[in-house]
Amino acid sequence: MRLGPLVFVAASLLLQGCAGHNVDCKLGAGHNGCNPGTKEYEQMMEKQRDDKTVAEIDDTLCRSYGAQPGSQAYAACRRKATSDREIFGPARGPNPK
């Protein structure tokens, strides 16, 4: 029995399985544009949900101060919220001991 054709068929099947997704998407190291069902796609979707939640929180905060969308006060409030988040980083839980 010759192994050449068998190796060729196995390699062809392997490549077909990877054709729809690049390796970075499968490993979660890609950058956007990955297909649904890949780790990168799920991470991208989670980031979009997180960004939307942050935007909703900032909007609610600025409106609670009386700033109306489109006003200079609202824009300044949103910039400050973004700046504060960049300075202080994400909220962290208690440190394990």
N, C-alpha and C. Protein backbone atom coordinates (compact mmCIF):
# COMPACT_ATOMS: atom_id res chain seq x y z
N MET A 1 0.85 -1.19 0.00
CA MET A 1 0.00 0.00 0.00
C MET A 1 0.89 1.24 0.00
N ARG A 2 0.52 2.19 -0.82
CA ARG A 2 1.31 3.42 -0.93
C ARG A 2 0.75 4.48 -0.01
N LEU A 3 1.60 5.14 0.74
CA LEU A 3 1.17 6.16 1.68
C LEU A 3 0.99 7.52 1.02
N GLY A 4 1.60 7.74 -0.12
CA GLY A 4 1.51 9.03 -0.80
C GLY A 4 0.08 9.49 -1.03
N PRO A 5 -0.76 8.67 -1.70
CA PRO A 5 -2.14 9.10 -1.94
C PRO A 5 -2.93 9.29 -0.63
N LEU A 6 -2.65 8.44 0.34
CA LEU A 6 -3.35 8.56 1.62
C LEU A 6 -2.99 9.88 2.33
N VAL A 7 -1.73 10.22 2.31
CA VAL A 7 -1.28 11.49 2.90
C VAL A 7 -1.90 12.66 2.15
N PHE A 8 -1.94 12.57 0.83
CA PHE A 8 -2.54 13.63 0.02
C PHE A 8 -4.01 13.84 0.37
N VAL A 9 -4.76 12.76 0.49
CA VAL A 9 -6.18 12.85 0.83
C VAL A 9 -6.36 13.43 2.23
N ALA A 10 -5.56 12.99 3.19
CA ALA A 10 -5.65 13.50 4.56
C ALA A 10 -5.34 14.99 4.59
N ALA A 11 -4.30 15.41 3.88
CA ALA A 11 -3.94 16.82 3.84
C ALA A 11 -5.03 17.65 3.17
N SER A 12 -5.63 17.12 2.13
CA SER A 12 -6.73 17.83 1.44
C SER A 12 -7.91 18.04 2.37
N LEU A 13 -8.26 17.01 3.10
CA LEU A 13 -9.38 17.13 4.04
C LEU A 13 -9.08 18.13 5.14
N LEU A 14 -7.85 18.12 5.63
CA LEU A 14 -7.45 19.06 6.67
C LEU A 14 -7.53 20.49 6.16
N LEU A 15 -7.04 20.72 4.95
CA LEU A 15 -7.08 22.06 4.38
C LEU A 15 -8.50 22.53 4.11
N GLN A 16 -9.37 21.62 3.70
CA GLN A 16 -10.77 22.00 3.47
C GLN A 16 -11.42 22.44 4.77
N GLY A 17 -11.10 21.79 5.85
CA GLY A 17 -11.68 22.15 7.14
C GLY A 17 -11.24 23.52 7.60
N CYS A 18 -10.05 23.92 7.19
CA CYS A 18 -9.52 25.21 7.61
C CYS A 18 -9.80 26.32 6.60
N ALA A 19 -10.35 25.99 5.47
CA ALA A 19 -10.53 26.97 4.39
C ALA A 19 -11.45 28.12 4.80
N GLY A 20 -12.47 27.86 5.59
CA GLY A 20 -13.41 28.91 5.96
C GLY A 20 -12.93 29.81 7.08
N HIS A 21 -11.94 29.39 7.82
CA HIS A 21 -11.45 30.16 8.96
C HIS A 21 -9.93 30.17 8.93
N ASN A 22 -9.34 31.34 9.15
CA ASN A 22 -7.88 31.30 9.23
C ASN A 22 -7.48 30.86 10.62
N VAL A 23 -6.25 30.46 10.77
CA VAL A 23 -5.78 29.88 12.02
C VAL A 23 -5.89 30.88 13.16
N ASP A 24 -5.59 32.15 12.91
CA ASP A 24 -5.69 33.16 13.96
C ASP A 24 -7.10 33.26 14.50
N CYS A 25 -8.10 33.15 13.64
CA CYS A 25 -9.49 33.22 14.09
C CYS A 25 -9.82 32.02 14.97
N LYS A 26 -9.34 30.85 14.61
CA LYS A 26 -9.62 29.65 15.40
C LYS A 26 -8.97 29.73 16.77
N LEU A 27 -7.80 30.37 16.86
CA LEU A 27 -7.08 30.45 18.13
C LEU A 27 -7.43 31.69 18.94
N GLY A 28 -8.21 32.59 18.37
CA GLY A 28 -8.58 33.81 19.09
C GLY A 28 -7.55 34.91 18.99
N ALA A 29 -6.63 34.80 18.03
CA ALA A 29 -5.59 35.80 17.89
C ALA A 29 -5.79 36.68 16.67
N GLY A 30 -6.91 36.52 15.98
CA GLY A 30 -7.19 37.31 14.78
C GLY A 30 -7.64 38.71 15.15
N HIS A 31 -7.92 39.49 14.14
CA HIS A 31 -8.35 40.86 14.40
C HIS A 31 -9.71 41.11 13.83
N ASN A 32 -10.70 41.02 13.87
CA ASN A 32 -11.99 41.29 13.22
C ASN A 32 -12.08 40.59 11.87
N GLY A 33 -13.28 40.41 11.45
CA GLY A 33 -13.52 39.79 10.16
C GLY A 33 -13.53 38.28 10.21
N CYS A 34 -13.50 37.69 11.39
CA CYS A 34 -13.53 36.24 11.50
C CYS A 34 -14.98 35.75 11.40
N ASN A 35 -15.12 34.53 10.96
CA ASN A 35 -16.45 33.95 10.76
C ASN A 35 -17.09 33.54 12.09
N PRO A 36 -18.42 33.54 12.14
CA PRO A 36 -19.12 33.05 13.33
C PRO A 36 -18.68 31.62 13.64
N GLY A 37 -18.60 31.34 14.92
CA GLY A 37 -18.20 30.02 15.35
C GLY A 37 -16.73 29.93 15.71
N THR A 38 -15.97 31.01 15.43
CA THR A 38 -14.56 31.01 15.81
C THR A 38 -14.40 31.74 17.14
N LYS A 39 -13.31 31.47 17.81
CA LYS A 39 -13.04 32.11 19.10
C LYS A 39 -12.92 33.63 18.94
N GLU A 40 -12.24 34.05 17.89
CA GLU A 40 -12.07 35.49 17.65
C GLU A 40 -13.42 36.18 17.43
N TYR A 41 -14.31 35.54 16.71
CA TYR A 41 -15.63 36.12 16.46
C TYR A 41 -16.36 36.31 17.79
N GLU A 42 -16.31 35.30 18.65
CA GLU A 42 -16.98 35.40 19.95
C GLU A 42 -16.36 36.51 20.79
N GLN A 43 -15.03 36.64 20.75
CA GLN A 43 -14.37 37.71 21.49
C GLN A 43 -14.77 39.08 20.94
N MET A 44 -14.87 39.18 19.62
CA MET A 44 -15.27 40.43 18.99
C MET A 44 -16.69 40.81 19.41
N MET A 45 -17.59 39.82 19.41
CA MET A 45 -18.97 40.09 19.81
C MET A 45 -19.05 40.51 21.28
N GLU A 46 -18.27 39.87 22.13
CA GLU A 46 -18.26 40.23 23.55
C GLU A 46 -17.75 41.66 23.74
N LYS A 47 -16.71 42.04 22.99
CA LYS A 47 -16.19 43.41 23.08
C LYS A 47 -17.24 44.42 22.62
N GLN A 48 -17.98 44.09 21.56
CA GLN A 48 -19.02 45.00 21.09
C GLN A 48 -20.11 45.16 22.15
N ARG A 49 -20.49 44.06 22.81
CA ARG A 49 -21.49 44.15 23.88
C ARG A 49 -20.97 44.99 25.04
N ASP A 50 -19.70 44.79 25.40
CA ASP A 50 -19.09 45.56 26.48
C ASP A 50 -19.06 47.04 26.14
N ASP A 51 -18.64 47.36 24.90
CA ASP A 51 -18.58 48.76 24.47
C ASP A 51 -19.96 49.40 24.51
N LYS A 52 -20.99 48.67 24.09
CA LYS A 52 -22.36 49.20 24.11
C LYS A 52 -22.81 49.45 25.54
N THR A 53 -22.49 48.53 26.44
CA THR A 53 -22.86 48.70 27.85
C THR A 53 -22.18 49.92 28.44
N VAL A 54 -20.89 50.10 28.16
CA VAL A 54 -20.15 51.26 28.66
C VAL A 54 -20.77 52.54 28.11
N ALA A 55 -21.11 52.56 26.83
CA ALA A 55 -21.72 53.75 26.23
C ALA A 55 -23.06 54.06 26.89
N GLU A 56 -23.85 53.04 27.18
CA GLU A 56 -25.14 53.25 27.84
C GLU A 56 -24.95 53.79 29.26
N ILE A 57 -23.96 53.28 29.97
CA ILE A 57 -23.68 53.76 31.33
C ILE A 57 -23.24 55.22 31.28
N ASP A 58 -22.33 55.55 30.36
CA ASP A 58 -21.85 56.93 30.24
C ASP A 58 -22.99 57.87 29.86
N ASP A 59 -23.85 57.42 28.94
CA ASP A 59 -24.99 58.24 28.53
C ASP A 59 -25.90 58.51 29.73
N THR A 60 -26.21 57.47 30.48
CA THR A 60 -27.09 57.64 31.64
C THR A 60 -26.45 58.55 32.67
N LEU A 61 -25.15 58.40 32.91
CA LEU A 61 -24.45 59.25 33.87
C LEU A 61 -24.52 60.71 33.46
N CYS A 62 -24.20 61.00 32.21
CA CYS A 62 -24.19 62.39 31.74
C CYS A 62 -25.58 62.99 31.73
N ARG A 63 -26.59 62.22 31.37
CA ARG A 63 -27.96 62.72 31.41
C ARG A 63 -28.40 62.99 32.85
N SER A 64 -27.89 62.17 33.79
CA SER A 64 -28.26 62.38 35.20
C SER A 64 -27.72 63.70 35.73
N TYR A 65 -26.65 64.21 35.11
CA TYR A 65 -26.11 65.52 35.47
C TYR A 65 -26.87 66.65 34.80
N GLY A 66 -27.82 66.31 33.95
CA GLY A 66 -28.62 67.31 33.26
C GLY A 66 -28.09 67.67 31.88
N ALA A 67 -27.03 67.02 31.44
CA ALA A 67 -26.48 67.31 30.11
C ALA A 67 -27.31 66.61 29.05
N GLN A 68 -27.62 67.33 27.99
CA GLN A 68 -28.43 66.78 26.91
C GLN A 68 -27.53 66.40 25.74
N PRO A 69 -27.80 65.24 25.10
CA PRO A 69 -27.01 64.84 23.94
C PRO A 69 -26.96 65.96 22.90
N GLY A 70 -25.77 66.17 22.36
CA GLY A 70 -25.57 67.23 21.37
C GLY A 70 -25.06 68.52 21.98
N SER A 71 -25.16 68.65 23.30
CA SER A 71 -24.68 69.88 23.95
C SER A 71 -23.18 69.75 24.26
N GLN A 72 -22.55 70.90 24.49
CA GLN A 72 -21.13 70.89 24.84
C GLN A 72 -20.92 70.22 26.20
N ALA A 73 -21.86 70.42 27.12
CA ALA A 73 -21.73 69.80 28.44
C ALA A 73 -21.78 68.28 28.34
N TYR A 74 -22.64 67.78 27.48
CA TYR A 74 -22.76 66.33 27.28
C TYR A 74 -21.47 65.77 26.68
N ALA A 75 -20.94 66.45 25.67
CA ALA A 75 -19.70 66.00 25.03
C ALA A 75 -18.55 66.02 26.02
N ALA A 76 -18.47 67.05 26.84
CA ALA A 76 -17.41 67.14 27.85
C ALA A 76 -17.56 66.03 28.88
N CYS A 77 -18.79 65.74 29.28
CA CYS A 77 -19.05 64.68 30.24
C CYS A 77 -18.61 63.33 29.68
N ARG A 78 -18.95 63.05 28.43
CA ARG A 78 -18.57 61.78 27.81
C ARG A 78 -17.05 61.66 27.68
N ARG A 79 -16.39 62.77 27.32
CA ARG A 79 -14.92 62.75 27.23
C ARG A 79 -14.30 62.46 28.59
N LYS A 80 -14.85 63.08 29.64
CA LYS A 80 -14.33 62.88 30.99
C LYS A 80 -14.54 61.43 31.43
N ALA A 81 -15.69 60.85 31.13
CA ALA A 81 -15.96 59.47 31.50
C ALA A 81 -14.96 58.53 30.80
N THR A 82 -14.69 58.79 29.53
CA THR A 82 -13.72 57.98 28.79
C THR A 82 -12.32 58.15 29.37
N SER A 83 -11.96 59.37 29.66
CA SER A 83 -10.64 59.66 30.22
C SER A 83 -10.48 58.99 31.59
N ASP A 84 -11.50 59.09 32.43
CA ASP A 84 -11.44 58.46 33.75
C ASP A 84 -11.26 56.95 33.62
N ARG A 85 -11.95 56.35 32.69
CA ARG A 85 -11.85 54.90 32.49
C ARG A 85 -10.44 54.52 32.04
N GLU A 86 -9.85 55.33 31.17
CA GLU A 86 -8.49 55.05 30.70
C GLU A 86 -7.47 55.22 31.82
N ILE A 87 -7.68 56.21 32.68
CA ILE A 87 -6.75 56.46 33.78
C ILE A 87 -6.86 55.37 34.84
N PHE A 88 -8.07 55.08 35.25
CA PHE A 88 -8.27 54.17 36.37
C PHE A 88 -8.42 52.71 35.96
N GLY A 89 -8.65 52.47 34.69
CA GLY A 89 -8.77 51.11 34.19
C GLY A 89 -10.08 50.46 34.61
N PRO A 90 -10.23 49.19 34.23
CA PRO A 90 -11.47 48.48 34.56
C PRO A 90 -11.57 48.21 36.06
N ALA A 91 -12.79 48.05 36.50
CA ALA A 91 -13.00 47.70 37.91
C ALA A 91 -12.41 46.33 38.17
N ARG A 92 -11.79 46.17 39.31
CA ARG A 92 -11.17 44.90 39.65
C ARG A 92 -11.77 44.35 40.92
N GLY A 93 -11.84 43.05 40.96
CA GLY A 93 -12.35 42.39 42.16
C GLY A 93 -11.28 42.36 43.24
N PRO A 94 -11.60 41.78 44.38
CA PRO A 94 -10.62 41.70 45.46
C PRO A 94 -9.42 40.83 45.06
N ASN A 95 -8.28 41.17 45.59
CA ASN A 95 -7.08 40.39 45.30
C ASN A 95 -7.10 39.07 46.07
N PRO A 96 -6.81 37.97 45.37
CA PRO A 96 -6.76 36.69 46.09
C PRO A 96 -5.52 36.64 46.97
N LYS A 97 -5.64 36.04 48.12
CA LYS A 97 -4.49 35.96 49.05
C LYS A 97 -4.04 34.56 49.21
